[in-house]
PDB file of N, CA and C in Angstrom:
ATOM      1  N   UNK A   1     -72.203-194.700 175.758  1.00  0.00           N
ATOM      2  CA  UNK A   1     -73.361-194.040 175.905  1.00  0.00           C
ATOM      3  C   UNK A   1     -74.286-194.758 177.327  1.00  0.00           C
ATOM      4  N   UNK A   2     -75.046-193.673 177.498  1.00  0.00           N
ATOM      5  CA  UNK A   2     -75.524-193.873 178.794  1.00  0.00           C
ATOM      6  C   UNK A   2     -77.106-194.473 178.887  1.00  0.00           C
ATOM      7  N   UNK A   3     -77.514-195.023 179.399  1.00  0.00           N
ATOM      8  CA  UNK A   3     -79.269-195.738 180.248  1.00  0.00           C
ATOM      9  C   UNK A   3     -79.356-195.477 181.700  1.00  0.00           C
ATOM     10  N   UNK A   4     -79.944-194.310 181.877  1.00  0.00           N
ATOM     11  CA  UNK A   4     -80.554-194.028 183.461  1.00  0.00           C
ATOM     12  C   UNK A   4     -78.299-193.801 183.807  1.00  0.00           C
ATOM     13  N   UNK A   5     -77.993-194.586 184.701  1.00  0.00           N
ATOM     14  CA  UNK A   5     -76.390-194.530 185.463  1.00  0.00           C
ATOM     15  C   UNK A   5     -76.500-195.822 185.208  1.00  0.00           C
ATOM     16  N   UNK A   6     -76.528-196.411 184.314  1.00  0.00           N
ATOM     17  CA  UNK A   6     -75.453-197.803 183.491  1.00  0.00           C
ATOM     18  C   UNK A   6     -75.134-197.054 182.271  1.00  0.00           C
ATOM     19  N   UNK A   7     -74.016-197.140 182.193  1.00  0.00           N
ATOM     20  CA  UNK A   7     -72.959-197.335 181.644  1.00  0.00           C
ATOM     21  C   UNK A   7     -73.008-198.205 179.650  1.00  0.00           C
ATOM     22  N   UNK A   8     -73.125-198.027 179.272  1.00  0.00           N
ATOM     23  CA  UNK A   8     -73.737-198.573 177.293  1.00  0.00           C
ATOM     24  C   UNK A   8     -72.672-198.742 176.505  1.00  0.00           C
ATOM     25  N   UNK A   9     -71.885-199.800 176.312  1.00  0.00           N
ATOM     26  CA  UNK A   9     -70.388-199.900 175.702  1.00  0.00           C
ATOM     27  C   UNK A   9     -71.334-200.487 173.812  1.00  0.00           C
ATOM     28  N   UNK A  10     -71.925-199.960 173.674  1.00  0.00           N
ATOM     29  CA  UNK A  10     -72.136-199.855 172.014  1.00  0.00           C
ATOM     30  C   UNK A  10     -71.610-200.119 170.934  1.00  0.00           C
ATOM     31  N   UNK A  11     -71.876-201.742 170.452  1.00  0.00           N
ATOM     32  CA  UNK A  11     -70.842-201.651 169.041  1.00  0.00           C
ATOM     33  C   UNK A  11     -72.372-201.876 167.704  1.00  0.00           C
ATOM     34  N   UNK A  12     -72.239-201.038 167.145  1.00  0.00           N
ATOM     35  CA  UNK A  12     -72.373-200.452 166.040  1.00  0.00           C
ATOM     36  C   UNK A  12     -72.229-201.549 164.746  1.00  0.00           C
ATOM     37  N   UNK A  13     -72.895-202.036 164.003  1.00  0.00           N
ATOM     38  CA  UNK A  13     -72.684-203.148 163.531  1.00  0.00           C
ATOM     39  C   UNK A  13     -73.451-203.142 161.698  1.00  0.00           C
ATOM     40  N   UNK A  14     -73.340-202.517 160.382  1.00  0.00           N
ATOM     41  CA  UNK A  14     -73.677-202.404 159.130  1.00  0.00           C
ATOM     42  C   UNK A  14     -73.235-203.646 157.994  1.00  0.00           C
ATOM     43  N   UNK A  15     -74.162-204.837 157.407  1.00  0.00           N
ATOM     44  CA  UNK A  15     -73.918-205.882 156.758  1.00  0.00           C
ATOM     45  C   UNK A  15     -74.747-205.491 155.613  1.00  0.00           C
ATOM     46  N   UNK A  16     -74.857-205.067 154.341  1.00  0.00           N
ATOM     47  CA  UNK A  16     -75.221-204.679 153.031  1.00  0.00           C
ATOM     48  C   UNK A  16     -75.978-206.187 153.033  1.00  0.00           C
ATOM     49  N   UNK A  17     -75.443-207.329 152.844  1.00  0.00           N
ATOM     50  CA  UNK A  17     -75.428-208.256 152.269  1.00  0.00           C
ATOM     51  C   UNK A  17     -75.544-209.178 153.690  1.00  0.00           C
ATOM     52  N   UNK A  18     -76.178-210.356 153.607  1.00  0.00           N
ATOM     53  CA  UNK A  18     -76.132-211.815 154.600  1.00  0.00           C
ATOM     54  C   UNK A  18     -75.533-212.919 154.187  1.00  0.00           C
ATOM     55  N   UNK A  19     -74.503-212.396 152.881  1.00  0.00           N
ATOM     56  CA  UNK A  19     -73.608-213.889 152.750  1.00  0.00           C
ATOM     57  C   UNK A  19     -72.616-214.185 153.561  1.00  0.00           C
ATOM     58  N   UNK A  20     -72.148-212.841 154.581  1.00  0.00           N
ATOM     59  CA  UNK A  20     -71.584-213.592 154.899  1.00  0.00           C
ATOM     60  C   UNK A  20     -71.843-213.493 156.675  1.00  0.00           C
ATOM     61  N   UNK A  21     -73.211-213.688 156.526  1.00  0.00           N
ATOM     62  CA  UNK A  21     -73.592-213.541 157.967  1.00  0.00           C
ATOM     63  C   UNK A  21     -74.060-212.613 158.180  1.00  0.00           C
ATOM     64  N   UNK A  22     -74.508-212.110 157.892  1.00  0.00           N
ATOM     65  CA  UNK A  22     -74.978-210.463 158.495  1.00  0.00           C
ATOM     66  C   UNK A  22     -74.036-209.622 159.043  1.00  0.00           C
ATOM     67  N   UNK A  23     -74.847-208.662 159.785  1.00  0.00           N
ATOM     68  CA  UNK A  23     -73.997-207.544 160.467  1.00  0.00           C
ATOM     69  C   UNK A  23     -74.223-208.798 162.362  1.00  0.00           C
ATOM     70  N   UNK A  24     -74.712-208.841 162.384  1.00  0.00           N
ATOM     71  CA  UNK A  24     -74.738-210.367 164.044  1.00  0.00           C
ATOM     72  C   UNK A  24     -73.623-211.307 163.518  1.00  0.00           C
ATOM     73  N   UNK A  25     -73.110-211.741 162.939  1.00  0.00           N
ATOM     74  CA  UNK A  25     -72.545-212.167 162.456  1.00  0.00           C
ATOM     75  C   UNK A  25     -70.449-212.306 162.518  1.00  0.00           C
ATOM     76  N   UNK A  26     -70.714-210.561 161.998  1.00  0.00           N
ATOM     77  CA  UNK A  26     -69.290-209.935 162.417  1.00  0.00           C
ATOM     78  C   UNK A  26     -69.173-209.732 163.569  1.00  0.00           C
ATOM     79  N   UNK A  27     -69.827-209.924 165.714  1.00  0.00           N
ATOM     80  CA  UNK A  27     -69.699-209.668 166.325  1.00  0.00           C
ATOM     81  C   UNK A  27     -69.638-211.081 166.867  1.00  0.00           C
ATOM     82  N   UNK A  28     -68.414-211.491 166.232  1.00  0.00           N
ATOM     83  CA  UNK A  28     -67.938-213.355 166.908  1.00  0.00           C
ATOM     84  C   UNK A  28     -67.484-212.798 168.435  1.00  0.00           C
ATOM     85  N   UNK A  29     -66.356-214.089 168.396  1.00  0.00           N
ATOM     86  CA  UNK A  29     -66.239-213.860 169.515  1.00  0.00           C
ATOM     87  C   UNK A  29     -64.698-213.598 170.131  1.00  0.00           C
ATOM     88  N   UNK A  30     -63.281-213.097 169.544  1.00  0.00           N
ATOM     89  CA  UNK A  30     -62.299-211.809 169.171  1.00  0.00           C
ATOM     90  C   UNK A  30     -63.121-210.645 169.283  1.00  0.00           C
ATOM     91  N   UNK A  31     -64.400-210.294 168.609  1.00  0.00           N
ATOM     92  CA  UNK A  31     -64.512-209.040 168.788  1.00  0.00           C
ATOM     93  C   UNK A  31     -65.491-208.490 170.155  1.00  0.00           C
ATOM     94  N   UNK A  32     -66.072-209.184 170.607  1.00  0.00           N
ATOM     95  CA  UNK A  32     -66.445-209.175 171.424  1.00  0.00           C
ATOM     96  C   UNK A  32     -64.839-209.279 173.472  1.00  0.00           C
ATOM     97  N   UNK A  33     -64.676-210.154 173.184  1.00  0.00           N
ATOM     98  CA  UNK A  33     -63.140-209.709 173.931  1.00  0.00           C
ATOM     99  C   UNK A  33     -62.165-208.699 173.067  1.00  0.00           C
ATOM    100  N   UNK A  34     -62.575-208.247 172.675  1.00  0.00           N
ATOM    101  CA  UNK A  34     -61.614-206.949 171.947  1.00  0.00           C
ATOM    102  C   UNK A  34     -62.768-205.756 172.933  1.00  0.00           C
ATOM    103  N   UNK A  35     -63.470-205.733 172.947  1.00  0.00           N
ATOM    104  CA  UNK A  35     -64.872-204.767 173.071  1.00  0.00           C
ATOM    105  C   UNK A  35     -65.124-204.587 174.289  1.00  0.00           C
ATOM    106  N   UNK A  36     -65.253-206.155 175.400  1.00  0.00           N
ATOM    107  CA  UNK A  36     -64.788-206.395 176.846  1.00  0.00           C
ATOM    108  C   UNK A  36     -63.328-205.357 177.584  1.00  0.00           C
ATOM    109  N   UNK A  37     -62.132-205.890 176.253  1.00  0.00           N
ATOM    110  CA  UNK A  37     -61.187-205.316 177.032  1.00  0.00           C
ATOM    111  C   UNK A  37     -61.293-203.815 177.177  1.00  0.00           C
ATOM    112  N   UNK A  38     -61.759-203.344 176.107  1.00  0.00           N
ATOM    113  CA  UNK A  38     -61.834-201.753 176.344  1.00  0.00           C
ATOM    114  C   UNK A  38     -63.007-201.320 177.659  1.00  0.00           C
ATOM    115  N   UNK A  39     -64.005-201.813 177.754  1.00  0.00           N
ATOM    116  CA  UNK A  39     -64.725-201.404 178.362  1.00  0.00           C
ATOM    117  C   UNK A  39     -63.790-201.662 179.942  1.00  0.00           C
ATOM    118  N   UNK A  40     -62.921-202.513 180.189  1.00  0.00           N
ATOM    119  CA  UNK A  40     -62.169-202.694 180.819  1.00  0.00           C
ATOM    120  C   UNK A  40     -61.657-201.976 181.547  1.00  0.00           C
ATOM    121  N   UNK A  41     -60.940-200.962 180.433  1.00  0.00           N
ATOM    122  CA  UNK A  41     -60.258-200.783 180.935  1.00  0.00           C
ATOM    123  C   UNK A  41     -60.410-198.873 180.447  1.00  0.00           C
ATOM    124  N   UNK A  42     -61.027-199.157 180.424  1.00  0.00           N
ATOM    125  CA  UNK A  42     -62.218-197.730 180.197  1.00  0.00           C
ATOM    126  C   UNK A  42     -62.782-197.559 181.980  1.00  0.00           C
ATOM    127  N   UNK A  43     -63.426-198.605 182.651  1.00  0.00           N
ATOM    128  CA  UNK A  43     -63.276-198.905 184.112  1.00  0.00           C
ATOM    129  C   UNK A  43     -63.034-198.719 184.791  1.00  0.00           C
ATOM    130  N   UNK A  44     -62.308-199.506 184.511  1.00  0.00           N
ATOM    131  CA  UNK A  44     -60.735-198.843 185.792  1.00  0.00           C
ATOM    132  C   UNK A  44     -60.327-197.502 185.889  1.00  0.00           C
ATOM    133  N   UNK A  45     -60.875-196.730 185.162  1.00  0.00           N
ATOM    134  CA  UNK A  45     -60.069-194.717 184.949  1.00  0.00           C
ATOM    135  C   UNK A  45     -60.892-194.464 186.292  1.00  0.00           C
ATOM    136  N   UNK A  46     -62.202-195.438 186.018  1.00  0.00           N
ATOM    137  CA  UNK A  46     -63.204-194.329 187.302  1.00  0.00           C
ATOM    138  C   UNK A  46     -63.521-195.107 188.079  1.00  0.00           C
ATOM    139  N   UNK A  47     -63.633-193.251 189.711  1.00  0.00           N
ATOM    140  CA  UNK A  47     -63.959-193.986 190.416  1.00  0.00           C
ATOM    141  C   UNK A  47     -64.817-194.875 190.164  1.00  0.00           C
ATOM    142  N   UNK A  48     -65.355-196.352 191.999  1.00  0.00           N
ATOM    143  CA  UNK A  48     -66.484-196.933 192.142  1.00  0.00           C
ATOM    144  C   UNK A  48     -66.572-197.781 191.375  1.00  0.00           C
ATOM    145  N   UNK A  49     -66.964-198.536 190.822  1.00  0.00           N
ATOM    146  CA  UNK A  49     -68.184-199.215 189.740  1.00  0.00           C
ATOM    147  C   UNK A  49     -69.373-199.263 189.717  1.00  0.00           C
ATOM    148  N   UNK A  50     -69.306-198.457 188.347  1.00  0.00           N
ATOM    149  CA  UNK A  50     -70.464-198.262 187.906  1.00  0.00           C
ATOM    150  C   UNK A  50     -71.362-199.600 187.329  1.00  0.00           C
ATOM    151  N   UNK A  51     -71.959-199.153 187.049  1.00  0.00           N
ATOM    152  CA  UNK A  51     -73.059-200.251 186.516  1.00  0.00           C
ATOM    153  C   UNK A  51     -72.897-200.192 184.408  1.00  0.00           C
ATOM    154  N   UNK A  52     -72.613-201.515 184.775  1.00  0.00           N
ATOM    155  CA  UNK A  52     -73.081-201.262 182.509  1.00  0.00           C
ATOM    156  C   UNK A  52     -73.253-202.585 182.115  1.00  0.00           C
ATOM    157  N   UNK A  53     -72.785-202.832 180.763  1.00  0.00           N
ATOM    158  CA  UNK A  53     -73.492-203.440 179.899  1.00  0.00           C
ATOM    159  C   UNK A  53     -72.618-203.920 178.280  1.00  0.00           C
ATOM    160  N   UNK A  54     -73.026-204.136 177.778  1.00  0.00           N
ATOM    161  CA  UNK A  54     -72.695-203.952 176.632  1.00  0.00           C
ATOM    162  C   UNK A  54     -73.498-204.637 175.598  1.00  0.00           C
ATOM    163  N   UNK A  55     -74.014-203.280 174.407  1.00  0.00           N
ATOM    164  CA  UNK A  55     -74.720-203.189 173.792  1.00  0.00           C
ATOM    165  C   UNK A  55     -74.656-203.651 172.346  1.00  0.00           C
ATOM    166  N   UNK A  56     -75.850-204.662 170.911  1.00  0.00           N
ATOM    167  CA  UNK A  56     -75.313-204.401 170.015  1.00  0.00           C
ATOM    168  C   UNK A  56     -76.258-203.798 168.999  1.00  0.00           C
ATOM    169  N   UNK A  57     -76.208-202.634 167.717  1.00  0.00           N
ATOM    170  CA  UNK A  57     -76.676-202.524 167.568  1.00  0.00           C
ATOM    171  C   UNK A  57     -76.475-202.780 166.014  1.00  0.00           C
ATOM    172  N   UNK A  58     -77.467-203.394 165.137  1.00  0.00           N
ATOM    173  CA  UNK A  58     -77.347-204.406 164.041  1.00  0.00           C
ATOM    174  C   UNK A  58     -77.780-203.430 162.895  1.00  0.00           C
ATOM    175  N   UNK A  59     -77.685-203.121 161.977  1.00  0.00           N
ATOM    176  CA  UNK A  59     -78.441-202.455 160.914  1.00  0.00           C
ATOM    177  C   UNK A  59     -78.277-203.129 159.158  1.00  0.00           C
ATOM    178  N   UNK A  60     -79.167-203.304 158.561  1.00  0.00           N
ATOM    179  CA  UNK A  60     -78.681-204.087 157.652  1.00  0.00           C
ATOM    180  C   UNK A  60     -78.800-202.905 156.127  1.00  0.00           C
ATOM    181  N   UNK A  61     -79.276-201.988 155.851  1.00  0.00           N
ATOM    182  CA  UNK A  61     -79.205-200.806 155.519  1.00  0.00           C
ATOM    183  C   UNK A  61     -79.382-199.524 155.911  1.00  0.00           C
ATOM    184  N   UNK A  62     -78.602-198.228 156.041  1.00  0.00           N
ATOM    185  CA  UNK A  62     -78.064-197.271 155.984  1.00  0.00           C
ATOM    186  C   UNK A  62     -80.424-197.091 155.863  1.00  0.00           C
ATOM    187  N   UNK A  63     -80.275-196.846 154.887  1.00  0.00           N
ATOM    188  CA  UNK A  63     -81.825-196.205 154.210  1.00  0.00           C
ATOM    189  C   UNK A  63     -82.693-197.185 155.041  1.00  0.00           C
ATOM    190  N   UNK A  64     -83.173-197.894 154.977  1.00  0.00           N
ATOM    191  CA  UNK A  64     -84.321-198.279 155.468  1.00  0.00           C
ATOM    192  C   UNK A  64     -84.367-198.313 156.550  1.00  0.00           C
ATOM    193  N   UNK A  65     -85.191-198.478 157.844  1.00  0.00           N
ATOM    194  CA  UNK A  65     -85.470-198.437 159.346  1.00  0.00           C
ATOM    195  C   UNK A  65     -85.539-200.167 159.823  1.00  0.00           C
ATOM    196  N   UNK A  66     -84.331-200.598 159.353  1.00  0.00           N
ATOM    197  CA  UNK A  66     -84.450-201.875 160.093  1.00  0.00           C
ATOM    198  C   UNK A  66     -83.364-202.010 160.832  1.00  0.00           C
ATOM    199  N   UNK A  67     -83.518-202.305 162.059  1.00  0.00           N
ATOM    200  CA  UNK A  67     -82.609-202.176 162.955  1.00  0.00           C
ATOM    201  C   UNK A  67     -83.088-203.012 163.924  1.00  0.00           C
ATOM    202  N   UNK A  68     -81.839-203.512 164.698  1.00  0.00           N
ATOM    203  CA  UNK A  68     -81.951-204.580 165.548  1.00  0.00           C
ATOM    204  C   UNK A  68     -81.268-203.757 166.811  1.00  0.00           C
ATOM    205  N   UNK A  69     -81.725-203.695 167.560  1.00  0.00           N
ATOM    206  CA  UNK A  69     -80.947-203.391 168.916  1.00  0.00           C
ATOM    207  C   UNK A  69     -81.015-204.545 169.769  1.00  0.00           C
ATOM    208  N   UNK A  70     -79.399-205.430 170.368  1.00  0.00           N
ATOM    209  CA  UNK A  70     -79.273-206.591 171.503  1.00  0.00           C
ATOM    210  C   UNK A  70     -78.737-205.614 172.416  1.00  0.00           C
ATOM    211  N   UNK A  71     -79.879-205.245 173.646  1.00  0.00           N
ATOM    212  CA  UNK A  71     -79.422-204.798 175.027  1.00  0.00           C
ATOM    213  C   UNK A  71     -78.548-205.611 175.422  1.00  0.00           C
ATOM    214  N   UNK A  72     -77.296-205.815 176.464  1.00  0.00           N
ATOM    215  CA  UNK A  72     -76.844-206.627 176.796  1.00  0.00           C
ATOM    216  C   UNK A  72     -76.191-207.973 175.665  1.00  0.00           C
ATOM    217  N   UNK A  73     -75.594-207.979 174.731  1.00  0.00           N
ATOM    218  CA  UNK A  73     -76.175-208.786 174.350  1.00  0.00           C
ATOM    219  C   UNK A  73     -74.981-210.351 174.178  1.00  0.00           C
ATOM    220  N   UNK A  74     -73.540-209.454 175.306  1.00  0.00           N
ATOM    221  CA  UNK A  74     -72.177-210.650 175.219  1.00  0.00           C
ATOM    222  C   UNK A  74     -72.266-210.516 176.882  1.00  0.00           C
ATOM    223  N   UNK A  75     -71.988-211.269 177.784  1.00  0.00           N
ATOM    224  CA  UNK A  75     -70.981-211.159 178.792  1.00  0.00           C
ATOM    225  C   UNK A  75     -69.584-212.166 179.025  1.00  0.00           C
ATOM    226  N   UNK A  76     -69.140-211.861 179.602  1.00  0.00           N
ATOM    227  CA  UNK A  76     -67.847-213.023 179.588  1.00  0.00           C
ATOM    228  C   UNK A  76     -68.064-214.220 180.337  1.00  0.00           C
TER     229      UNK A  76
END
């Protein structure tokens, strides 16, 4: 997605239960590396050096408005 001139790579995670740590726990280091690799590949196809960030949107239930949006959630 875009936020002004910034390209935003967004991971959306839903966990209905906190039994295994909730939605935030599902974005572990392995998942972060995969997202960063995909972002690097996408950016390698573009001209110039665009500004970008990785966000994570965490949902507890799709029926609730319980949404947590972590901007610039992780860096390499």
